Amino acid sequence: MRRFLPSPAMVVAVVALIASLSGSAVAALVITGKSIKNGTVTGKDIRNHSLRGSDMKHDGIGGGSVKESTLGPVPSAYLAAGSVRFAVVNAAGQAVRGRDISSAARTSEGRYQVIFNANVRSCGYYATIGDASASAPPSHSEISVSSLGSNVNGVAVRTQNGGNGNQLDRSFHLIVMC
């Protein structure tokens, strides 16, 4: 009976197969961070999404390293970016100052409309009677606000005497928060 011995070609093939399969595992054990020269690994050498924040040294990446055009908006930054619009309007219906305001007008006794440069229909409106300057606000006054039915960018404001409910022209401060 003949023994079952592998041929020399088979031995070479098996050794080559084992070496090729264990090559990366051996490289992972042999190549460490200490054996890589500083500054030789570039962005091309790093696979996308393979690094996490915990892989970076604290304060290791500065603002100059970040390509800002690739960043999306931060969800909570909407308020910081100025989602609050406001208007200070005098009793004659003229806008004294404000942010993102297109126009302001007195439409009749004690009635005003303030138009902003964006849709404010789903926002919150907050108004108070107050002088456009540093003087004291008038006493016995009331104010009410609502969205302007004819324009999604507008807010309707009504001012009146608090004692008898008669509409009166009053200066006011209006804040719109979206």
C-alpha atoms as a PDB file:
ATOM      1  CA  MET A   1       0.000   0.000   0.000  1.00  0.00           C
ATOM      2  CA  ARG A   2       1.224   3.382  -0.993  1.00  0.00           C
ATOM      3  CA  ARG A   3       1.390   6.163   1.547  1.00  0.00           C
ATOM      4  CA  PHE A   4      -0.547   9.297   0.974  1.00  0.00           C
ATOM      5  CA  LEU A   5       2.129  12.028   0.847  1.00  0.00           C
ATOM      6  CA  PRO A   6       1.573  15.499  -0.626  1.00  0.00           C
ATOM      7  CA  SER A   7       3.691  16.504  -3.539  1.00  0.00           C
ATOM      8  CA  PRO A   8       6.245  19.333  -3.171  1.00  0.00           C
ATOM      9  CA  ALA A   9       4.003  21.601  -5.304  1.00  0.00           C
ATOM     10  CA  MET A  10       1.100  21.020  -2.912  1.00  0.00           C
ATOM     11  CA  VAL A  11       3.291  21.896   0.106  1.00  0.00           C
ATOM     12  CA  VAL A  12       4.379  25.170  -1.546  1.00  0.00           C
ATOM     13  CA  ALA A  13       0.754  26.032  -2.436  1.00  0.00           C
ATOM     14  CA  VAL A  14      -0.478  25.426   1.141  1.00  0.00           C
ATOM     15  CA  VAL A  15       2.359  27.533   2.622  1.00  0.00           C
ATOM     16  CA  ALA A  16       1.566  30.368   0.162  1.00  0.00           C
ATOM     17  CA  LEU A  17      -2.130  30.197   1.044  1.00  0.00           C
ATOM     18  CA  ILE A  18      -1.455  30.384   4.781  1.00  0.00           C
ATOM     19  CA  ALA A  19       0.975  33.285   4.312  1.00  0.00           C
ATOM     20  CA  SER A  20      -1.489  35.236   2.188  1.00  0.00           C
ATOM     21  CA  LEU A  21      -4.368  34.725   4.620  1.00  0.00           C
ATOM     22  CA  SER A  22      -2.382  35.690   7.702  1.00  0.00           C
ATOM     23  CA  GLY A  23      -0.508  38.590   6.100  1.00  0.00           C
ATOM     24  CA  SER A  24      -2.868  41.333   7.271  1.00  0.00           C
ATOM     25  CA  ALA A  25      -3.177  39.775  10.699  1.00  0.00           C
ATOM     26  CA  VAL A  26       0.585  39.664  11.010  1.00  0.00           C
ATOM     27  CA  ALA A  27       0.815  43.253   9.750  1.00  0.00           C
ATOM     28  CA  ALA A  28      -1.700  44.360  12.380  1.00  0.00           C
ATOM     29  CA  LEU A  29       0.469  42.812  15.065  1.00  0.00           C
ATOM     30  CA  VAL A  30       3.752  44.102  13.646  1.00  0.00           C
ATOM     31  CA  ILE A  31       2.754  47.652  12.567  1.00  0.00           C
ATOM     32  CA  THR A  32       1.769  49.880  15.483  1.00  0.00           C
ATOM     33  CA  GLY A  33       1.370  53.629  15.980  1.00  0.00           C
ATOM     34  CA  LYS A  34       4.982  53.828  17.190  1.00  0.00           C
ATOM     35  CA  SER A  35       6.285  52.377  13.949  1.00  0.00           C
ATOM     36  CA  ILE A  36       4.528  55.009  11.766  1.00  0.00           C
ATOM     37  CA  LYS A  37       6.469  58.234  11.290  1.00  0.00           C
ATOM     38  CA  ASN A  38       4.571  61.358  12.404  1.00  0.00           C
ATOM     39  CA  GLY A  39       2.992  63.278   9.536  1.00  0.00           C
ATOM     40  CA  THR A  40       3.114  60.412   7.029  1.00  0.00           C
ATOM     41  CA  VAL A  41      -0.550  59.337   7.253  1.00  0.00           C
ATOM     42  CA  THR A  42      -2.731  61.680   5.185  1.00  0.00           C
ATOM     43  CA  GLY A  43      -6.462  62.059   4.632  1.00  0.00           C
ATOM     44  CA  LYS A  44      -6.216  59.780   1.584  1.00  0.00           C
ATOM     45  CA  ASP A  45      -4.973  56.968   3.833  1.00  0.00           C
ATOM     46  CA  ILE A  46      -8.000  57.130   6.156  1.00  0.00           C
ATOM     47  CA  ARG A  47     -11.260  55.520   5.115  1.00  0.00           C
ATOM     48  CA  ASN A  48     -14.375  57.737   5.353  1.00  0.00           C
ATOM     49  CA  HIS A  49     -16.421  57.355   8.556  1.00  0.00           C
ATOM     50  CA  SER A  50     -13.721  55.208  10.178  1.00  0.00           C
ATOM     51  CA  LEU A  51     -12.706  57.770  12.823  1.00  0.00           C
ATOM     52  CA  ARG A  52     -14.782  58.746  15.849  1.00  0.00           C
ATOM     53  CA  GLY A  53     -14.443  61.672  18.219  1.00  0.00           C
ATOM     54  CA  SER A  54     -12.840  59.377  20.796  1.00  0.00           C
ATOM     55  CA  ASP A  55     -10.068  58.592  18.272  1.00  0.00           C
ATOM     56  CA  MET A  56      -8.947  62.226  18.312  1.00  0.00           C
ATOM     57  CA  LYS A  57      -6.789  63.926  20.891  1.00  0.00           C
ATOM     58  CA  HIS A  58      -8.774  66.506  22.914  1.00  0.00           C
ATOM     59  CA  ASP A  59      -8.569  69.825  21.037  1.00  0.00           C
ATOM     60  CA  GLY A  60      -6.451  68.059  18.403  1.00  0.00           C
ATOM     61  CA  ILE A  61      -8.397  69.427  15.440  1.00  0.00           C
ATOM     62  CA  GLY A  62      -8.740  73.190  15.090  1.00  0.00           C
ATOM     63  CA  GLY A  63     -11.257  75.235  13.149  1.00  0.00           C
ATOM     64  CA  GLY A  64      -8.861  75.518  10.211  1.00  0.00           C
ATOM     65  CA  SER A  65      -9.052  71.744   9.745  1.00  0.00           C
ATOM     66  CA  VAL A  66     -12.813  71.761   9.216  1.00  0.00           C
ATOM     67  CA  LYS A  67     -14.254  72.450   5.771  1.00  0.00           C
ATOM     68  CA  GLU A  68     -17.263  74.519   6.846  1.00  0.00           C
ATOM     69  CA  SER A  69     -19.042  74.225   3.503  1.00  0.00           C
ATOM     70  CA  THR A  70     -19.557  70.500   4.149  1.00  0.00           C
ATOM     71  CA  LEU A  71     -21.248  71.019   7.515  1.00  0.00           C
ATOM     72  CA  GLY A  72     -25.024  70.968   7.865  1.00  0.00           C
ATOM     73  CA  PRO A  73     -27.003  73.259  10.152  1.00  0.00           C
ATOM     74  CA  VAL A  74     -26.973  72.555  13.842  1.00  0.00           C
ATOM     75  CA  PRO A  75     -30.609  71.943  14.846  1.00  0.00           C
ATOM     76  CA  SER A  76     -30.510  74.168  17.925  1.00  0.00           C
ATOM     77  CA  ALA A  77     -28.674  76.973  16.108  1.00  0.00           C
ATOM     78  CA  TYR A  78     -31.845  78.268  14.469  1.00  0.00           C
ATOM     79  CA  LEU A  79     -32.513  80.635  17.367  1.00  0.00           C
ATOM     80  CA  ALA A  80     -28.887  81.746  17.468  1.00  0.00           C
ATOM     81  CA  ALA A  81     -29.009  82.467  13.745  1.00  0.00           C
ATOM     82  CA  GLY A  82     -31.863  84.886  14.249  1.00  0.00           C
ATOM     83  CA  SER A  83     -35.221  83.172  13.983  1.00  0.00           C
ATOM     84  CA  VAL A  84     -36.532  85.907  16.269  1.00  0.00           C
ATOM     85  CA  ARG A  85     -37.942  88.773  14.254  1.00  0.00           C
ATOM     86  CA  PHE A  86     -39.009  91.976  15.899  1.00  0.00           C
ATOM     87  CA  ALA A  87     -40.409  95.397  15.168  1.00  0.00           C
ATOM     88  CA  VAL A  88     -40.680  98.607  17.141  1.00  0.00           C
ATOM     89  CA  VAL A  89     -43.461 100.702  15.629  1.00  0.00           C
ATOM     90  CA  ASN A  90     -44.483 104.242  16.602  1.00  0.00           C
ATOM     91  CA  ALA A  91     -48.094 105.368  17.007  1.00  0.00           C
ATOM     92  CA  ALA A  92     -48.177 106.669  13.423  1.00  0.00           C
ATOM     93  CA  GLY A  93     -47.414 103.154  12.113  1.00  0.00           C
ATOM     94  CA  GLN A  94     -43.800 103.776  11.087  1.00  0.00           C
ATOM     95  CA  ALA A  95     -41.181 101.108  11.821  1.00  0.00           C
ATOM     96  CA  VAL A  96     -38.543 102.669  14.084  1.00  0.00           C
ATOM     97  CA  ARG A  97     -36.274  99.607  14.189  1.00  0.00           C
ATOM     98  CA  GLY A  98     -36.491  95.857  13.783  1.00  0.00           C
ATOM     99  CA  ARG A  99     -35.063  92.661  12.347  1.00  0.00           C
ATOM    100  CA  ASP A 100     -36.268  91.062   9.101  1.00  0.00           C
ATOM    101  CA  ILE A 101     -39.076  93.605   8.765  1.00  0.00           C
ATOM    102  CA  SER A 102     -40.322  94.651   5.335  1.00  0.00           C
ATOM    103  CA  SER A 103     -42.888  97.273   6.308  1.00  0.00           C
ATOM    104  CA  ALA A 104     -45.228  98.577   8.975  1.00  0.00           C
ATOM    105  CA  ALA A 105     -48.388 100.595   8.534  1.00  0.00           C
ATOM    106  CA  ARG A 106     -51.287 102.044  10.505  1.00  0.00           C
ATOM    107  CA  THR A 107     -54.462 100.884   8.738  1.00  0.00           C
ATOM    108  CA  SER A 108     -56.993 102.700  10.940  1.00  0.00           C
ATOM    109  CA  GLU A 109     -57.370 104.062  14.465  1.00  0.00           C
ATOM    110  CA  GLY A 110     -55.500 101.630  16.735  1.00  0.00           C
ATOM    111  CA  ARG A 111     -54.950  99.033  13.976  1.00  0.00           C
ATOM    112  CA  TYR A 112     -51.591  98.185  12.422  1.00  0.00           C
ATOM    113  CA  GLN A 113     -50.025  95.597  10.193  1.00  0.00           C
ATOM    114  CA  VAL A 114     -46.372  94.591  10.265  1.00  0.00           C
ATOM    115  CA  ILE A 115     -44.934  92.680   7.306  1.00  0.00           C
ATOM    116  CA  PHE A 116     -41.774  90.597   7.702  1.00  0.00           C
ATOM    117  CA  ASN A 117     -39.568  89.194   4.943  1.00  0.00           C
ATOM    118  CA  ALA A 118     -40.589  85.556   5.531  1.00  0.00           C
ATOM    119  CA  ASN A 119     -43.627  83.458   6.324  1.00  0.00           C
ATOM    120  CA  VAL A 120     -44.573  83.971   9.992  1.00  0.00           C
ATOM    121  CA  ARG A 121     -47.968  82.252   9.889  1.00  0.00           C
ATOM    122  CA  SER A 122     -46.916  79.336  12.146  1.00  0.00           C
ATOM    123  CA  CYS A 123     -44.901  81.475  14.575  1.00  0.00           C
ATOM    124  CA  GLY A 124     -45.684  82.917  17.991  1.00  0.00           C
ATOM    125  CA  TYR A 125     -46.473  86.637  18.301  1.00  0.00           C
ATOM    126  CA  TYR A 126     -45.746  88.666  21.440  1.00  0.00           C
ATOM    127  CA  ALA A 127     -46.467  92.383  21.703  1.00  0.00           C
ATOM    128  CA  THR A 128     -46.444  95.066  24.356  1.00  0.00           C
ATOM    129  CA  ILE A 129     -47.364  98.708  24.413  1.00  0.00           C
ATOM    130  CA  GLY A 130     -44.172 100.709  24.633  1.00  0.00           C
ATOM    131  CA  ASP A 131     -42.651 103.891  23.374  1.00  0.00           C
ATOM    132  CA  ALA A 132     -40.027 103.670  20.645  1.00  0.00           C
ATOM    133  CA  SER A 133     -37.691 105.771  22.799  1.00  0.00           C
ATOM    134  CA  ALA A 134     -36.767 105.474  26.470  1.00  0.00           C
ATOM    135  CA  SER A 135     -39.893 107.176  27.807  1.00  0.00           C
ATOM    136  CA  ALA A 136     -42.408 105.434  30.022  1.00  0.00           C
ATOM    137  CA  PRO A 137     -45.187 103.410  28.369  1.00  0.00           C
ATOM    138  CA  PRO A 138     -48.662 104.882  28.316  1.00  0.00           C
ATOM    139  CA  SER A 139     -50.956 103.728  31.091  1.00  0.00           C
ATOM    140  CA  HIS A 140     -54.348 102.036  30.656  1.00  0.00           C
ATOM    141  CA  SER A 141     -53.534 100.491  27.284  1.00  0.00           C
ATOM    142  CA  GLU A 142     -54.111  97.059  25.831  1.00  0.00           C
ATOM    143  CA  ILE A 143     -52.666  95.294  22.793  1.00  0.00           C
ATOM    144  CA  SER A 144     -53.644  92.188  20.859  1.00  0.00           C
ATOM    145  CA  VAL A 145     -51.976  90.402  17.938  1.00  0.00           C
ATOM    146  CA  SER A 146     -52.875  87.791  15.336  1.00  0.00           C
ATOM    147  CA  SER A 147     -51.649  86.594  11.984  1.00  0.00           C
ATOM    148  CA  LEU A 148     -52.599  88.804   9.075  1.00  0.00           C
ATOM    149  CA  GLY A 149     -55.225  87.010   6.998  1.00  0.00           C
ATOM    150  CA  SER A 150     -54.216  88.615   3.702  1.00  0.00           C
ATOM    151  CA  ASN A 151     -50.451  87.960   3.942  1.00  0.00           C
ATOM    152  CA  VAL A 152     -48.559  84.983   5.422  1.00  0.00           C
ATOM    153  CA  ASN A 153     -45.638  87.325   6.160  1.00  0.00           C
ATOM    154  CA  GLY A 154     -47.776  89.702   8.204  1.00  0.00           C
ATOM    155  CA  VAL A 155     -48.986  90.256  11.761  1.00  0.00           C
ATOM    156  CA  ALA A 156     -52.073  92.292  12.657  1.00  0.00           C
ATOM    157  CA  VAL A 157     -51.827  94.453  15.784  1.00  0.00           C
ATOM    158  CA  ARG A 158     -54.632  96.263  17.638  1.00  0.00           C
ATOM    159  CA  THR A 159     -54.117  98.812  20.415  1.00  0.00           C
ATOM    160  CA  GLN A 160     -56.838 100.219  22.633  1.00  0.00           C
ATOM    161  CA  ASN A 161     -57.572 102.076  25.816  1.00  0.00           C
ATOM    162  CA  GLY A 162     -57.741  99.665  28.733  1.00  0.00           C
ATOM    163  CA  GLY A 163     -60.414 101.660  30.540  1.00  0.00           C
ATOM    164  CA  ASN A 164     -63.159 101.845  27.926  1.00  0.00           C
ATOM    165  CA  GLY A 165     -61.947  99.615  25.070  1.00  0.00           C
ATOM    166  CA  ASN A 166     -61.789 102.414  22.478  1.00  0.00           C
ATOM    167  CA  GLN A 167     -59.148 101.849  19.854  1.00  0.00           C
ATOM    168  CA  LEU A 168     -56.262 104.297  20.225  1.00  0.00           C
ATOM    169  CA  ASP A 169     -53.007 104.785  18.355  1.00  0.00           C
ATOM    170  CA  ARG A 170     -50.132 103.548  20.525  1.00  0.00           C
ATOM    171  CA  SER A 171     -46.515 102.709  19.812  1.00  0.00           C
ATOM    172  CA  PHE A 172     -45.617  99.085  20.448  1.00  0.00           C
ATOM    173  CA  HIS A 173     -42.916  96.410  20.420  1.00  0.00           C
ATOM    174  CA  LEU A 174     -43.631  93.167  18.548  1.00  0.00           C
ATOM    175  CA  ILE A 175     -41.616  89.932  18.708  1.00  0.00           C
ATOM    176  CA  VAL A 176     -42.210  87.010  16.337  1.00  0.00           C
ATOM    177  CA  MET A 177     -40.625  83.689  17.315  1.00  0.00           C
ATOM    178  CA  CYS A 178     -40.592  80.784  14.897  1.00  0.00           C
END
